[in-house]
Amino acid sequence: MAQLDQLMDRHEENQAVDTRSVGEIRQDIATMRQSIAETIDKIGDRVVENLDWRRNVAKHPLLALGAAAGMGFLCSALLRPRPNARERLIDALADSVEEINDRLDDHGLRRSNGFGRLIKAAAMATVTRAATDYLSRRVNAHHSAEPVIRR
C-alpha cells in the first residue's frame, strides 16, 4: 500500500514538472546559476581575506610574533653547522685551560704581581700549545692512517 502511494506521488511530481514550459525551466536554471556564482564569489572573498597575512598579523600581533620567533629558533637549530672532531677537541681543551685558570685563581695566584702573571700566562700558553699540537697530530694520524692488510 505504501509503495502505491509513493508511485502516485512520483507520478504527480512528474506531471507537475512536465507542465512547466521551457522558458520557466531556463529561468530556473539561470536563477540557480546566478545563486551559485554569488556563493562562489563570497567563498572566494572569504578565502582571500583569511589568507591575507598582513590582516592576520594586524589582527593577532602577539601570535604572529610568537610564530616568527618559533620559526627562527627552528631554522637556527636545523641550519646550525655541527662541530667536527677538531672543533670539539679544541672546545674541550679550552674548557680544561679555563678550569686550570680558575683553580689557580682559587689559590691566590691571580693577585700576584705583574711578574707572577707573566709566568702564569707563559706557562698556560706553553701547555695550551703543547696540548693543541699533540691533539692535532693524533687527529691527523687517525685520519691519514691507511688500513693495514694482513695476510
C-alpha atoms as a PDB file:
ATOM      1  CA  MET A   1       0.000   0.000   0.000  1.00  0.00           C
ATOM      2  CA  ALA A   2       2.846   2.399   0.882  1.00  0.00           C
ATOM      3  CA  GLN A   3       4.523   1.607  -2.425  1.00  0.00           C
ATOM      4  CA  LEU A   4       1.371   2.539  -4.317  1.00  0.00           C
ATOM      5  CA  ASP A   5       1.261   5.900  -2.516  1.00  0.00           C
ATOM      6  CA  GLN A   6       4.904   6.560  -3.417  1.00  0.00           C
ATOM      7  CA  LEU A   7       4.263   5.732  -7.067  1.00  0.00           C
ATOM      8  CA  MET A   8       1.273   8.070  -7.138  1.00  0.00           C
ATOM      9  CA  ASP A   9       3.342  10.880  -5.595  1.00  0.00           C
ATOM     10  CA  ARG A  10       6.103  10.405  -8.178  1.00  0.00           C
ATOM     11  CA  HIS A  11       3.578  10.410 -10.994  1.00  0.00           C
ATOM     12  CA  GLU A  12       2.094  13.680  -9.754  1.00  0.00           C
ATOM     13  CA  GLU A  13       5.577  15.240  -9.455  1.00  0.00           C
ATOM     14  CA  ASN A  14       6.454  14.182 -12.994  1.00  0.00           C
ATOM     15  CA  GLN A  15       3.236  15.725 -14.286  1.00  0.00           C
ATOM     16  CA  ALA A  16       3.993  18.959 -12.407  1.00  0.00           C
ATOM     17  CA  VAL A  17       7.451  19.082 -13.974  1.00  0.00           C
ATOM     18  CA  ASP A  18       6.047  18.308 -17.394  1.00  0.00           C
ATOM     19  CA  THR A  19       3.582  21.221 -17.167  1.00  0.00           C
ATOM     20  CA  ARG A  20       6.384  23.797 -16.843  1.00  0.00           C
ATOM     21  CA  SER A  21       7.388  25.493 -20.044  1.00  0.00           C
ATOM     22  CA  VAL A  22      10.889  25.511 -21.476  1.00  0.00           C
ATOM     23  CA  GLY A  23      11.196  29.207 -20.650  1.00  0.00           C
ATOM     24  CA  GLU A  24      10.360  28.587 -16.989  1.00  0.00           C
ATOM     25  CA  ILE A  25      12.931  25.814 -16.791  1.00  0.00           C
ATOM     26  CA  ARG A  26      15.567  28.060 -18.388  1.00  0.00           C
ATOM     27  CA  GLN A  27      14.654  30.854 -15.977  1.00  0.00           C
ATOM     28  CA  ASP A  28      15.082  28.447 -13.014  1.00  0.00           C
ATOM     29  CA  ILE A  29      18.466  27.340 -14.380  1.00  0.00           C
ATOM     30  CA  ALA A  30      19.585  30.974 -14.797  1.00  0.00           C
ATOM     31  CA  THR A  31      18.458  31.781 -11.242  1.00  0.00           C
ATOM     32  CA  MET A  32      20.328  28.776  -9.853  1.00  0.00           C
ATOM     33  CA  ARG A  33      23.421  29.686 -11.898  1.00  0.00           C
ATOM     34  CA  GLN A  34      23.330  33.242 -10.517  1.00  0.00           C
ATOM     35  CA  SER A  35      22.934  31.937  -6.953  1.00  0.00           C
ATOM     36  CA  ILE A  36      25.863  29.544  -7.371  1.00  0.00           C
ATOM     37  CA  ALA A  37      28.046  32.319  -8.848  1.00  0.00           C
ATOM     38  CA  GLU A  38      27.265  34.613  -5.891  1.00  0.00           C
ATOM     39  CA  THR A  39      28.067  31.837  -3.414  1.00  0.00           C
ATOM     40  CA  ILE A  40      31.379  31.117  -5.148  1.00  0.00           C
ATOM     41  CA  ASP A  41      32.257  34.821  -5.099  1.00  0.00           C
ATOM     42  CA  LYS A  42      31.523  35.026  -1.350  1.00  0.00           C
ATOM     43  CA  ILE A  43      33.636  31.934  -0.658  1.00  0.00           C
ATOM     44  CA  GLY A  44      36.483  33.329  -2.775  1.00  0.00           C
ATOM     45  CA  ASP A  45      36.378  36.641  -0.894  1.00  0.00           C
ATOM     46  CA  ARG A  46      36.495  34.835   2.449  1.00  0.00           C
ATOM     47  CA  VAL A  47      39.439  32.673   1.341  1.00  0.00           C
ATOM     48  CA  VAL A  48      41.382  35.738   0.164  1.00  0.00           C
ATOM     49  CA  GLU A  49      40.520  37.534   3.401  1.00  0.00           C
ATOM     50  CA  ASN A  50      41.680  34.599   5.561  1.00  0.00           C
ATOM     51  CA  LEU A  51      44.924  34.136   3.619  1.00  0.00           C
ATOM     52  CA  ASP A  52      45.934  37.818   3.787  1.00  0.00           C
ATOM     53  CA  TRP A  53      48.937  37.673   6.124  1.00  0.00           C
ATOM     54  CA  ARG A  54      49.019  41.433   6.713  1.00  0.00           C
ATOM     55  CA  ARG A  55      45.465  41.430   8.013  1.00  0.00           C
ATOM     56  CA  ASN A  56      46.130  38.381  10.208  1.00  0.00           C
ATOM     57  CA  VAL A  57      49.280  39.961  11.673  1.00  0.00           C
ATOM     58  CA  ALA A  58      47.409  43.182  12.383  1.00  0.00           C
ATOM     59  CA  LYS A  59      44.588  41.217  13.973  1.00  0.00           C
ATOM     60  CA  HIS A  60      46.837  38.921  16.099  1.00  0.00           C
ATOM     61  CA  PRO A  61      50.256  40.628  16.570  1.00  0.00           C
ATOM     62  CA  LEU A  62      51.433  38.589  19.570  1.00  0.00           C
ATOM     63  CA  LEU A  63      50.570  35.303  17.899  1.00  0.00           C
ATOM     64  CA  ALA A  64      52.466  36.402  14.785  1.00  0.00           C
ATOM     65  CA  LEU A  65      55.470  37.422  16.887  1.00  0.00           C
ATOM     66  CA  GLY A  66      55.469  34.077  18.686  1.00  0.00           C
ATOM     67  CA  ALA A  67      55.171  32.167  15.411  1.00  0.00           C
ATOM     68  CA  ALA A  68      58.048  34.149  13.907  1.00  0.00           C
ATOM     69  CA  ALA A  69      60.237  33.525  16.956  1.00  0.00           C
ATOM     70  CA  GLY A  70      59.427  29.817  16.911  1.00  0.00           C
ATOM     71  CA  MET A  71      60.263  29.547  13.227  1.00  0.00           C
ATOM     72  CA  GLY A  72      63.522  31.409  13.847  1.00  0.00           C
ATOM     73  CA  PHE A  73      64.548  29.009  16.597  1.00  0.00           C
ATOM     74  CA  LEU A  74      63.582  26.021  14.462  1.00  0.00           C
ATOM     75  CA  CYS A  75      65.536  27.274  11.446  1.00  0.00           C
ATOM     76  CA  SER A  76      68.587  28.099  13.552  1.00  0.00           C
ATOM     77  CA  ALA A  77      68.535  24.628  15.090  1.00  0.00           C
ATOM     78  CA  LEU A  78      68.206  22.939  11.717  1.00  0.00           C
ATOM     79  CA  LEU A  79      70.740  25.092   9.855  1.00  0.00           C
ATOM     80  CA  ARG A  80      73.421  25.365  12.560  1.00  0.00           C
ATOM     81  CA  PRO A  81      76.645  23.682  11.471  1.00  0.00           C
ATOM     82  CA  ARG A  82      77.650  20.759  13.635  1.00  0.00           C
ATOM     83  CA  PRO A  83      81.160  20.907  15.127  1.00  0.00           C
ATOM     84  CA  ASN A  84      83.652  18.443  13.722  1.00  0.00           C
ATOM     85  CA  ALA A  85      86.043  16.369  15.813  1.00  0.00           C
ATOM     86  CA  ARG A  86      88.768  19.011  15.742  1.00  0.00           C
ATOM     87  CA  GLU A  87      86.431  21.758  16.958  1.00  0.00           C
ATOM     88  CA  ARG A  88      85.130  19.518  19.745  1.00  0.00           C
ATOM     89  CA  LEU A  89      88.715  18.800  20.866  1.00  0.00           C
ATOM     90  CA  ILE A  90      89.590  22.493  20.859  1.00  0.00           C
ATOM     91  CA  ASP A  91      86.478  23.276  22.912  1.00  0.00           C
ATOM     92  CA  ALA A  92      87.386  20.563  25.406  1.00  0.00           C
ATOM     93  CA  LEU A  93      90.926  21.931  25.631  1.00  0.00           C
ATOM     94  CA  ALA A  94      89.615  25.462  26.174  1.00  0.00           C
ATOM     95  CA  ASP A  95      87.371  24.199  28.967  1.00  0.00           C
ATOM     96  CA  SER A  96      90.339  22.442  30.585  1.00  0.00           C
ATOM     97  CA  VAL A  97      92.507  25.571  30.401  1.00  0.00           C
ATOM     98  CA  GLU A  98      89.687  27.629  31.899  1.00  0.00           C
ATOM     99  CA  GLU A  99      89.316  25.121  34.732  1.00  0.00           C
ATOM    100  CA  ILE A 100      93.064  25.255  35.436  1.00  0.00           C
ATOM    101  CA  ASN A 101      92.916  29.038  35.381  1.00  0.00           C
ATOM    102  CA  ASP A 102      90.044  29.015  37.875  1.00  0.00           C
ATOM    103  CA  ARG A 103      91.970  26.667  40.164  1.00  0.00           C
ATOM    104  CA  LEU A 104      94.997  28.962  40.060  1.00  0.00           C
ATOM    105  CA  ASP A 105      92.715  31.855  40.992  1.00  0.00           C
ATOM    106  CA  ASP A 106      91.414  29.844  43.940  1.00  0.00           C
ATOM    107  CA  HIS A 107      94.995  29.520  45.236  1.00  0.00           C
ATOM    108  CA  GLY A 108      95.566  33.265  45.037  1.00  0.00           C
ATOM    109  CA  LEU A 109      97.951  33.303  42.116  1.00  0.00           C
ATOM    110  CA  ARG A 110      95.781  35.814  40.270  1.00  0.00           C
ATOM    111  CA  ARG A 111      96.514  38.503  42.856  1.00  0.00           C
ATOM    112  CA  SER A 112     100.242  38.216  42.317  1.00  0.00           C
ATOM    113  CA  ASN A 113     102.402  40.987  40.911  1.00  0.00           C
ATOM    114  CA  GLY A 114     102.979  41.580  37.184  1.00  0.00           C
ATOM    115  CA  PHE A 115     105.905  39.142  37.016  1.00  0.00           C
ATOM    116  CA  GLY A 116     103.791  36.326  38.505  1.00  0.00           C
ATOM    117  CA  ARG A 117     101.061  36.958  35.949  1.00  0.00           C
ATOM    118  CA  LEU A 118     103.630  36.869  33.172  1.00  0.00           C
ATOM    119  CA  ILE A 119     104.941  33.484  34.370  1.00  0.00           C
ATOM    120  CA  LYS A 120     101.392  32.143  34.667  1.00  0.00           C
ATOM    121  CA  ALA A 121     100.458  33.362  31.174  1.00  0.00           C
ATOM    122  CA  ALA A 122     103.621  31.871  29.654  1.00  0.00           C
ATOM    123  CA  ALA A 123     103.010  28.538  31.365  1.00  0.00           C
ATOM    124  CA  MET A 124      99.382  28.450  30.220  1.00  0.00           C
ATOM    125  CA  ALA A 125     100.401  29.336  26.656  1.00  0.00           C
ATOM    126  CA  THR A 126     103.041  26.591  26.621  1.00  0.00           C
ATOM    127  CA  VAL A 127     100.635  23.982  27.987  1.00  0.00           C
ATOM    128  CA  THR A 128      97.924  25.049  25.559  1.00  0.00           C
ATOM    129  CA  ARG A 129     100.261  24.957  22.578  1.00  0.00           C
ATOM    130  CA  ALA A 130     101.629  21.540  23.540  1.00  0.00           C
ATOM    131  CA  ALA A 131      98.153  20.101  24.029  1.00  0.00           C
ATOM    132  CA  THR A 132      96.918  21.571  20.739  1.00  0.00           C
ATOM    133  CA  ASP A 133      99.915  20.181  18.826  1.00  0.00           C
ATOM    134  CA  TYR A 134      99.502  16.768  20.431  1.00  0.00           C
ATOM    135  CA  LEU A 135      95.796  16.620  19.643  1.00  0.00           C
ATOM    136  CA  SER A 136      96.350  17.839  16.070  1.00  0.00           C
ATOM    137  CA  ARG A 137      98.949  15.131  15.474  1.00  0.00           C
ATOM    138  CA  ARG A 138      96.622  12.489  16.924  1.00  0.00           C
ATOM    139  CA  VAL A 139      93.656  13.596  14.803  1.00  0.00           C
ATOM    140  CA  ASN A 140      95.742  13.876  11.630  1.00  0.00           C
ATOM    141  CA  ALA A 141      97.381  10.498  12.259  1.00  0.00           C
ATOM    142  CA  HIS A 142      93.985   8.938  12.853  1.00  0.00           C
ATOM    143  CA  HIS A 143      92.525  10.379   9.641  1.00  0.00           C
ATOM    144  CA  SER A 144      95.557   9.760   7.427  1.00  0.00           C
ATOM    145  CA  ALA A 145      96.317   6.214   8.596  1.00  0.00           C
ATOM    146  CA  GLU A 146      95.750   3.673   5.861  1.00  0.00           C
ATOM    147  CA  PRO A 147      94.301   0.324   6.783  1.00  0.00           C
ATOM    148  CA  VAL A 148      96.841  -2.413   7.228  1.00  0.00           C
ATOM    149  CA  ILE A 149      96.161  -5.540   5.210  1.00  0.00           C
ATOM    150  CA  ARG A 150      97.378  -8.682   6.917  1.00  0.00           C
ATOM    151  CA  ARG A 151      97.897 -11.901   5.068  1.00  0.00           C
END
